[in-house]
N, C-alpha and C. Protein backbone atom coordinates (compact mmCIF):
# COMPACT_ATOMS: atom_id res chain seq x y z
N UNK A 1 4.32 306.93 138.92
CA UNK A 1 5.06 305.53 139.35
C UNK A 1 6.27 305.72 140.51
N UNK A 2 7.08 306.78 140.28
CA UNK A 2 7.85 306.81 141.36
C UNK A 2 7.44 307.18 142.63
N UNK A 3 6.58 307.95 142.68
CA UNK A 3 5.63 308.50 143.75
C UNK A 3 5.35 307.24 144.72
N UNK A 4 4.87 306.00 143.64
CA UNK A 4 4.29 304.88 144.30
C UNK A 4 5.12 303.97 145.05
N UNK A 5 6.72 304.13 144.24
CA UNK A 5 7.77 303.69 144.59
C UNK A 5 8.24 304.17 146.15
N UNK A 6 8.52 305.35 146.34
CA UNK A 6 8.79 305.85 147.73
C UNK A 6 7.66 305.64 148.21
N UNK A 7 6.63 305.66 148.37
CA UNK A 7 5.75 305.34 149.28
C UNK A 7 5.79 303.85 149.71
N UNK A 8 5.90 303.02 148.83
CA UNK A 8 5.97 301.55 149.10
C UNK A 8 7.52 301.58 150.42
N UNK A 9 8.94 301.98 149.12
CA UNK A 9 9.95 302.00 150.23
C UNK A 9 10.09 302.61 151.84
N UNK A 10 9.05 303.48 151.93
CA UNK A 10 8.94 304.24 153.14
C UNK A 10 8.48 303.14 154.23
N UNK A 11 6.77 302.54 153.38
CA UNK A 11 6.34 301.47 154.15
C UNK A 11 7.38 300.47 154.44
N UNK A 12 7.88 299.72 153.92
CA UNK A 12 8.71 298.69 154.01
C UNK A 12 9.83 299.04 155.19
N UNK A 13 10.20 300.18 155.06
CA UNK A 13 11.30 300.55 155.97
C UNK A 13 10.91 301.08 156.96
N UNK A 14 9.65 301.01 157.25
CA UNK A 14 8.69 301.61 158.68
C UNK A 14 8.48 300.20 159.36
N UNK A 15 7.54 299.06 158.54
CA UNK A 15 7.36 297.54 158.90
C UNK A 15 9.02 296.71 159.03
N UNK A 16 9.99 296.89 158.60
CA UNK A 16 11.31 296.53 158.94
C UNK A 16 11.67 296.89 160.28
N UNK A 17 11.99 298.09 160.27
CA UNK A 17 12.48 298.74 161.72
C UNK A 17 11.28 298.47 162.91
N UNK A 18 10.29 298.45 162.76
CA UNK A 18 9.17 297.98 163.76
C UNK A 18 9.38 296.77 164.41
N UNK A 19 9.49 296.20 163.04
CA UNK A 19 9.52 294.72 163.46
C UNK A 19 10.95 294.22 164.50
N UNK A 20 12.10 294.78 163.76
CA UNK A 20 13.30 294.85 164.27
C UNK A 20 13.56 295.12 165.91
N UNK A 21 12.78 296.34 165.82
CA UNK A 21 12.72 296.86 167.41
C UNK A 21 12.14 296.32 168.23
N UNK A 22 10.90 295.65 168.03
CA UNK A 22 10.01 294.77 168.63
C UNK A 22 10.76 293.66 169.00
N UNK A 23 11.21 292.96 168.36
CA UNK A 23 11.83 291.71 168.90
C UNK A 23 13.32 291.91 169.26
N UNK A 24 13.59 292.92 169.43
CA UNK A 24 15.50 292.99 169.65
C UNK A 24 15.11 293.23 171.32
N UNK A 25 16.09 292.52 172.24
CA UNK A 25 15.85 292.35 173.31
C UNK A 25 16.20 293.88 174.06
N UNK A 26 15.32 294.02 175.18
CA UNK A 26 15.33 295.39 175.89
C UNK A 26 16.72 296.02 176.26
N UNK A 27 17.87 294.88 176.62
CA UNK A 27 18.92 294.89 177.74
C UNK A 27 19.76 295.42 176.45
N UNK A 28 19.64 294.87 175.14
CA UNK A 28 20.60 295.10 173.82
C UNK A 28 20.14 296.83 173.12
N UNK A 29 19.12 297.08 173.29
CA UNK A 29 18.75 298.51 172.70
C UNK A 29 19.67 299.73 173.04
N UNK A 30 20.11 300.63 172.06
CA UNK A 30 21.03 301.86 172.64
C UNK A 30 20.32 302.94 172.36
N UNK A 31 20.72 303.94 173.55
CA UNK A 31 20.46 305.42 173.77
C UNK A 31 19.30 305.49 174.02
N UNK A 32 17.89 304.71 173.71
CA UNK A 32 16.94 305.19 174.57
C UNK A 32 15.90 303.66 174.86
N UNK A 33 14.94 303.91 175.48
CA UNK A 33 14.28 302.72 175.89
C UNK A 33 13.58 301.85 174.68
N UNK A 34 13.29 300.70 174.71
CA UNK A 34 12.56 300.43 173.64
C UNK A 34 11.63 300.72 173.25
N UNK A 35 10.84 301.44 174.15
CA UNK A 35 9.49 301.93 173.91
C UNK A 35 9.42 303.11 173.24
N UNK A 36 10.38 303.93 173.78
CA UNK A 36 10.57 305.30 173.08
C UNK A 36 11.20 305.38 171.38
N UNK A 37 11.72 303.90 171.23
CA UNK A 37 12.16 303.94 169.60
C UNK A 37 10.97 303.32 168.99
N UNK A 38 10.05 302.69 169.63
CA UNK A 38 8.64 301.99 169.36
C UNK A 38 8.17 303.21 168.82
N UNK A 39 7.83 304.42 169.52
CA UNK A 39 6.93 305.49 169.06
C UNK A 39 7.35 306.42 168.16
N UNK A 40 8.78 306.37 168.35
CA UNK A 40 9.59 307.23 167.34
C UNK A 40 9.50 306.85 165.78
N UNK A 41 9.57 305.35 165.72
CA UNK A 41 9.41 304.94 164.61
C UNK A 41 7.94 304.91 164.02
N UNK A 42 7.16 304.47 164.83
CA UNK A 42 5.88 304.89 164.12
C UNK A 42 5.16 306.31 163.93
N UNK A 43 5.83 307.40 164.76
CA UNK A 43 5.30 309.00 164.74
C UNK A 43 6.37 309.59 163.79
N UNK A 44 7.17 309.38 163.56
CA UNK A 44 8.25 309.99 162.81
C UNK A 44 8.52 309.03 161.36
N UNK A 45 7.78 309.43 160.08
CA UNK A 45 7.69 308.66 159.41
C UNK A 45 8.90 308.12 158.66
N UNK A 46 10.16 308.62 158.28
CA UNK A 46 11.27 308.65 157.52
C UNK A 46 12.32 308.52 158.67
N UNK A 47 12.52 309.56 159.15
CA UNK A 47 13.65 309.84 160.35
C UNK A 47 13.87 308.87 161.46
N UNK A 48 12.56 308.26 161.92
CA UNK A 48 12.15 307.31 162.86
C UNK A 48 13.03 305.87 163.05
N UNK A 49 12.18 305.51 161.42
CA UNK A 49 13.20 304.13 161.07
C UNK A 49 14.82 304.42 160.88
N UNK A 50 14.74 305.17 160.06
CA UNK A 50 16.85 305.75 159.63
C UNK A 50 17.34 305.70 161.20
N UNK A 51 16.70 306.49 161.96
CA UNK A 51 17.69 306.74 163.06
C UNK A 51 17.51 305.20 164.03
N UNK A 52 16.67 304.61 163.99
CA UNK A 52 16.59 303.19 165.07
C UNK A 52 17.72 302.00 164.16
N UNK A 53 17.94 302.37 162.86
CA UNK A 53 19.01 301.52 162.46
C UNK A 53 20.56 302.48 162.39
N UNK A 54 20.43 303.03 162.48
CA UNK A 54 21.87 304.22 162.51
C UNK A 54 22.21 303.96 164.18
N UNK A 55 21.28 304.66 165.30
CA UNK A 55 21.65 304.76 166.78
C UNK A 55 20.69 303.90 167.84
N UNK A 56 19.94 302.84 167.49
CA UNK A 56 19.23 302.40 168.20
C UNK A 56 19.52 300.71 168.12
N UNK A 57 19.69 300.25 166.89
CA UNK A 57 19.50 299.02 166.78
C UNK A 57 20.81 298.48 167.42
N UNK A 58 21.28 297.28 167.91
CA UNK A 58 22.06 296.65 168.70
C UNK A 58 23.29 296.37 167.72
N UNK A 59 24.41 296.66 168.09
CA UNK A 59 25.65 296.47 167.58
C UNK A 59 25.96 294.97 166.82
N UNK A 60 26.71 294.90 165.91
CA UNK A 60 26.44 293.40 165.43
C UNK A 60 27.47 292.52 166.04
N UNK A 61 26.92 291.24 166.55
CA UNK A 61 27.61 290.39 167.70
C UNK A 61 27.24 290.66 169.21
N UNK A 62 26.40 291.62 169.13
CA UNK A 62 25.98 291.86 170.65
C UNK A 62 25.07 290.80 171.10
N UNK A 63 24.90 289.98 172.25
CA UNK A 63 24.04 289.04 172.49
C UNK A 63 23.69 289.60 173.67
N UNK A 64 22.42 289.02 174.55
CA UNK A 64 22.41 289.56 175.74
C UNK A 64 23.03 288.45 176.68
N UNK A 65 23.35 288.57 178.28
CA UNK A 65 24.13 287.94 179.12
C UNK A 65 23.14 286.72 179.06
N UNK A 66 23.64 285.54 179.24
CA UNK A 66 22.75 284.60 179.15
C UNK A 66 23.02 283.92 180.83
N UNK A 67 21.88 283.84 181.69
CA UNK A 67 21.88 283.54 182.85
C UNK A 67 21.49 281.49 182.85
N UNK A 68 22.34 281.05 183.84
CA UNK A 68 21.72 279.67 183.98
C UNK A 68 20.72 279.41 184.39
N UNK A 69 20.07 278.17 184.12
CA UNK A 69 18.88 277.87 184.90
C UNK A 69 18.94 277.61 186.32
N UNK A 70 18.07 278.42 187.34
CA UNK A 70 18.18 278.70 188.64
C UNK A 70 18.36 276.84 189.17
N UNK A 71 17.94 275.95 189.09
CA UNK A 71 18.29 274.50 189.26
C UNK A 71 19.65 274.37 189.11
N UNK A 72 20.55 274.86 188.26
CA UNK A 72 21.64 274.44 187.79
C UNK A 72 22.90 275.49 188.72
N UNK A 73 22.13 276.50 189.30
CA UNK A 73 23.31 277.45 189.50
C UNK A 73 23.62 277.41 191.27
N UNK A 74 24.68 277.43 191.57
CA UNK A 74 24.78 277.36 193.03
C UNK A 74 24.61 278.51 193.78
N UNK A 75 24.49 279.56 193.14
CA UNK A 75 24.44 281.29 193.43
C UNK A 75 25.61 281.57 194.59
N UNK A 76 27.08 280.59 193.68
CA UNK A 76 28.09 281.29 194.26
C UNK A 76 28.65 280.76 195.67
N UNK A 77 27.74 279.48 196.23
CA UNK A 77 28.64 279.02 197.60
C UNK A 77 28.52 277.64 197.20
N UNK A 78 29.79 277.09 198.07
CA UNK A 78 29.94 275.38 197.80
C UNK A 78 28.75 274.92 198.51
N UNK A 79 29.14 273.63 197.81
CA UNK A 79 27.40 273.03 198.63
C UNK A 79 27.55 272.73 200.07
N UNK A 80 28.50 272.76 200.66
CA UNK A 80 28.42 272.71 202.04
C UNK A 80 27.86 274.01 202.99
N UNK A 81 27.94 275.21 201.92
CA UNK A 81 28.08 276.67 202.54
C UNK A 81 26.53 277.01 202.14
N UNK A 82 25.93 276.34 201.35
CA UNK A 82 24.66 276.67 200.65
C UNK A 82 23.25 276.92 201.91
N UNK A 83 23.05 278.09 201.43
CA UNK A 83 21.67 277.93 202.70
C UNK A 83 20.70 276.86 202.31
N UNK A 84 20.11 276.45 203.57
CA UNK A 84 19.19 275.31 203.31
C UNK A 84 18.00 276.27 203.24
N UNK A 85 16.85 274.95 203.03
CA UNK A 85 15.87 275.50 202.43
C UNK A 85 14.77 275.57 203.90
N UNK A 86 13.81 276.43 203.70
CA UNK A 86 13.43 276.57 205.24
C UNK A 86 12.47 275.32 205.43
N UNK A 87 12.46 275.01 206.84
CA UNK A 87 11.82 273.92 207.08
C UNK A 87 10.19 274.09 207.28
N UNK A 88 9.65 273.05 207.02
CA UNK A 88 7.95 273.33 206.95
C UNK A 88 7.66 273.35 208.74
N UNK A 89 6.75 274.00 208.54
CA UNK A 89 6.43 274.25 209.93
C UNK A 89 5.58 272.91 211.12
N UNK A 90 5.84 271.76 210.36
CA UNK A 90 5.76 270.51 211.24
C UNK A 90 7.02 269.98 211.65
N UNK A 91 8.01 270.74 210.81
CA UNK A 91 9.43 270.19 211.22
C UNK A 91 10.05 271.30 212.35
N UNK A 92 9.62 272.30 212.54
CA UNK A 92 10.15 273.86 213.38
C UNK A 92 9.95 273.32 214.66
N UNK A 93 10.71 272.99 215.75
CA UNK A 93 10.05 272.95 216.58
C UNK A 93 9.72 273.87 217.96
N UNK A 94 10.31 274.99 217.33
CA UNK A 94 10.05 276.17 217.86
C UNK A 94 8.46 277.06 217.40
N UNK A 95 8.26 276.52 216.16
CA UNK A 95 6.62 276.74 215.53
C UNK A 95 5.86 276.04 216.73
N UNK A 96 6.25 274.34 216.69
CA UNK A 96 5.32 273.55 217.66
C UNK A 96 5.14 273.70 218.97
N UNK A 97 6.12 274.46 219.78
CA UNK A 97 6.34 274.95 220.76
C UNK A 97 5.16 276.15 221.18
N UNK A 98 5.17 277.27 220.03
CA UNK A 98 4.62 278.48 220.15
C UNK A 98 3.16 277.84 219.89
N UNK A 99 2.70 276.83 219.25
CA UNK A 99 1.22 276.23 219.08
C UNK A 99 0.75 275.89 220.36
N UNK A 100 1.55 274.95 221.22
CA UNK A 100 1.32 273.99 222.09
C UNK A 100 0.56 275.16 223.20
N UNK A 101 1.77 276.34 223.30
CA UNK A 101 1.86 277.37 224.06
C UNK A 101 0.29 278.16 223.67
N UNK A 102 -0.13 278.24 222.87
CA UNK A 102 -0.90 278.99 222.51
C UNK A 102 -2.19 278.11 223.01
N UNK A 103 -1.99 276.88 222.65
CA UNK A 103 -3.39 276.01 223.47
C UNK A 103 -3.60 276.09 224.78
N UNK A 104 -2.85 275.71 225.32
CA UNK A 104 -2.42 276.02 226.79
C UNK A 104 -3.22 277.37 227.27
N UNK A 105 -3.12 278.66 226.63
CA UNK A 105 -3.50 279.70 226.95
C UNK A 105 -4.83 279.68 226.40
N UNK A 106 -5.35 279.09 225.41
CA UNK A 106 -6.57 279.17 224.94
C UNK A 106 -7.67 278.45 225.82
N UNK A 107 -6.77 276.96 226.27
CA UNK A 107 -7.98 276.25 227.35
C UNK A 107 -8.07 277.08 228.92
N UNK A 108 -6.96 277.77 229.38
CA UNK A 108 -6.68 278.36 230.76
C UNK A 108 -8.15 279.44 230.32
N UNK A 109 -8.02 280.10 229.43
CA UNK A 109 -8.83 281.16 228.89
C UNK A 109 -10.19 280.85 229.20
N UNK A 110 -10.62 279.35 228.54
CA UNK A 110 -11.76 278.97 228.69
C UNK A 110 -12.33 278.47 229.91
N UNK A 111 -11.25 277.82 230.95
CA UNK A 111 -11.78 277.56 231.75
C UNK A 111 -12.42 278.84 233.07
N UNK A 112 -11.40 279.72 232.52
CA UNK A 112 -11.86 281.00 233.53
C UNK A 112 -12.97 281.56 233.21
N UNK A 113 -13.06 281.26 232.00
CA UNK A 113 -14.50 282.19 231.57
C UNK A 113 -15.88 281.06 231.89
N UNK A 114 -15.46 279.91 232.09
CA UNK A 114 -16.79 279.17 232.75
C UNK A 114 -16.73 279.11 233.95
N UNK A 115 -15.43 279.26 234.62
CA UNK A 115 -15.51 279.56 236.49
C UNK A 115 -16.58 280.87 236.41
N UNK A 116 -16.29 282.09 235.55
CA UNK A 116 -17.04 283.34 236.00
C UNK A 116 -18.28 283.02 235.50
N UNK A 117 -18.93 282.28 234.18
CA UNK A 117 -20.07 282.46 234.23
C UNK A 117 -20.55 281.15 235.36
N UNK A 118 -19.98 280.41 236.02
CA UNK A 118 -20.89 279.38 237.12
C UNK A 118 -20.89 280.43 238.23
N UNK A 119 -19.77 281.36 238.15
CA UNK A 119 -20.34 282.31 239.33
C UNK A 119 -21.52 283.43 239.60
N UNK A 120 -21.60 283.89 238.41
CA UNK A 120 -22.37 284.42 237.67
C UNK A 120 -23.82 283.88 238.12
N UNK A 121 -24.03 282.36 237.56
CA UNK A 121 -25.12 281.92 237.91
C UNK A 121 -25.52 281.81 239.08
N UNK A 122 -24.29 281.44 240.08
CA UNK A 122 -25.11 281.28 241.72
C UNK A 122 -25.27 282.55 242.39
N UNK A 123 -24.74 283.63 241.85
CA UNK A 123 -25.00 284.83 242.35
C UNK A 123 -26.38 285.22 242.26
N UNK A 124 -26.63 285.12 240.60
CA UNK A 124 -28.33 285.39 240.06
C UNK A 124 -28.93 284.32 240.90
N UNK A 125 -29.07 282.86 241.22
CA UNK A 125 -29.90 282.05 242.14
C UNK A 125 -29.96 282.30 243.03
N UNK A 126 -28.92 283.16 244.09
CA UNK A 126 -29.26 283.52 245.41
C UNK A 126 -30.08 284.78 245.71
N UNK A 127 -29.69 285.62 244.33
CA UNK A 127 -30.87 287.22 244.40
C UNK A 127 -32.33 286.77 243.96
N UNK A 128 -32.31 285.36 243.21
CA UNK A 128 -33.62 285.55 242.39
C UNK A 128 -34.73 284.80 243.71
N UNK A 129 -35.81 285.64 243.89
CA UNK A 129 -36.61 284.74 244.74
C UNK A 129 -37.01 283.26 244.65
N UNK A 130 -37.34 282.41 245.45
CA UNK A 130 -37.64 281.00 245.18
C UNK A 130 -38.48 280.66 244.17
N UNK A 131 -40.11 281.42 244.20
CA UNK A 131 -41.17 281.38 243.72
C UNK A 131 -40.58 281.50 241.85
N UNK A 132 -39.71 282.41 241.77
CA UNK A 132 -39.09 282.71 240.45
C UNK A 132 -38.80 281.94 239.83
N UNK A 133 -37.89 280.84 240.35
CA UNK A 133 -37.43 279.79 239.61
C UNK A 133 -38.74 278.94 239.26
N UNK A 134 -39.49 278.35 240.04
CA UNK A 134 -40.29 277.52 239.01
C UNK A 134 -41.10 278.00 238.71
N UNK A 135 -41.76 279.38 238.46
CA UNK A 135 -42.65 280.05 237.77
C UNK A 135 -41.82 280.02 236.15
N UNK A 136 -40.30 280.15 236.21
CA UNK A 136 -40.04 279.72 234.97
C UNK A 136 -39.63 279.03 234.37
N UNK A 137 -39.83 278.11 235.14
CA UNK A 137 -40.07 276.26 234.37
C UNK A 137 -41.51 275.97 233.82
N UNK A 138 -42.40 276.73 234.42
CA UNK A 138 -43.68 276.21 234.42
C UNK A 138 -43.89 276.97 232.91
N UNK A 139 -44.56 276.15 232.17
CA UNK A 139 -45.10 276.24 230.76
C UNK A 139 -46.19 277.66 230.77
N UNK A 140 -46.30 278.61 230.05
CA UNK A 140 -47.32 279.35 229.79
C UNK A 140 -48.52 278.76 229.05
N UNK A 141 -50.11 279.09 230.10
CA UNK A 141 -50.94 278.67 229.44
C UNK A 141 -51.55 278.92 228.43
N UNK A 142 -52.15 278.28 227.49
CA UNK A 142 -52.64 278.64 225.77
C UNK A 142 -54.01 278.91 226.13
N UNK A 143 -54.47 280.26 225.68
CA UNK A 143 -55.69 280.71 225.82
C UNK A 143 -57.26 279.67 224.80
N UNK A 144 -57.88 279.51 225.35
CA UNK A 144 -58.76 278.52 224.61
C UNK A 144 -59.97 279.33 224.04
N UNK A 145 -60.99 278.82 223.31
CA UNK A 145 -61.77 279.17 222.41
C UNK A 145 -62.81 280.07 223.70
N UNK A 146 -63.23 279.30 224.76
CA UNK A 146 -64.01 280.43 225.52
C UNK A 146 -63.57 281.18 226.26
N UNK A 147 -62.42 281.56 225.91
CA UNK A 147 -61.49 282.54 226.90
C UNK A 147 -60.96 282.11 228.29
N UNK A 148 -61.09 281.00 228.81
CA UNK A 148 -60.28 280.56 229.74
C UNK A 148 -58.89 280.01 229.08
N UNK A 149 -58.04 279.80 229.81
CA UNK A 149 -56.75 279.52 229.49
C UNK A 149 -56.49 278.16 230.05
N UNK A 150 -55.54 277.21 229.73
CA UNK A 150 -55.34 275.85 230.04
C UNK A 150 -53.74 275.76 229.79
N UNK A 151 -52.94 274.71 230.94
CA UNK A 151 -51.78 274.67 230.88
C UNK A 151 -51.41 273.58 229.63
N UNK A 152 -50.24 273.93 228.76
CA UNK A 152 -49.93 273.31 227.59
C UNK A 152 -49.37 272.01 228.34
N UNK A 153 -49.54 271.36 227.50
CA UNK A 153 -49.00 269.33 227.57
C UNK A 153 -47.74 269.04 227.97
């Protein structure tokens, strides 16, 4: 009976210490990081939970520092010195000017490419023999069953 009582007390101490450690805020844990305390409580049967209760558990009355909600916090700036939220891209004149400059540059590049293409076509038309243009426009004749060919309609 005594053996069973020792086992139950050990198990109860382990469960209590483990739950207490897991629920404690990480900022308030003393001497070791919280994960190390959890491993110590689980791996070292009696000594781990007792060590947690003596050396790791936060002192009585210790509370985590409270941080007010960001919407109510002025971040230390008076209202007139508070940094302004960034503008949207459609409200930023520099961004819009960059867009217009980029559009103008693309239009210029397209005009240059079109001019280069026209010049190439003109040079190609001058070097091509006169009959080659007409032959390229004519459709190829289709072969007939009797072996002769007939132009496509």
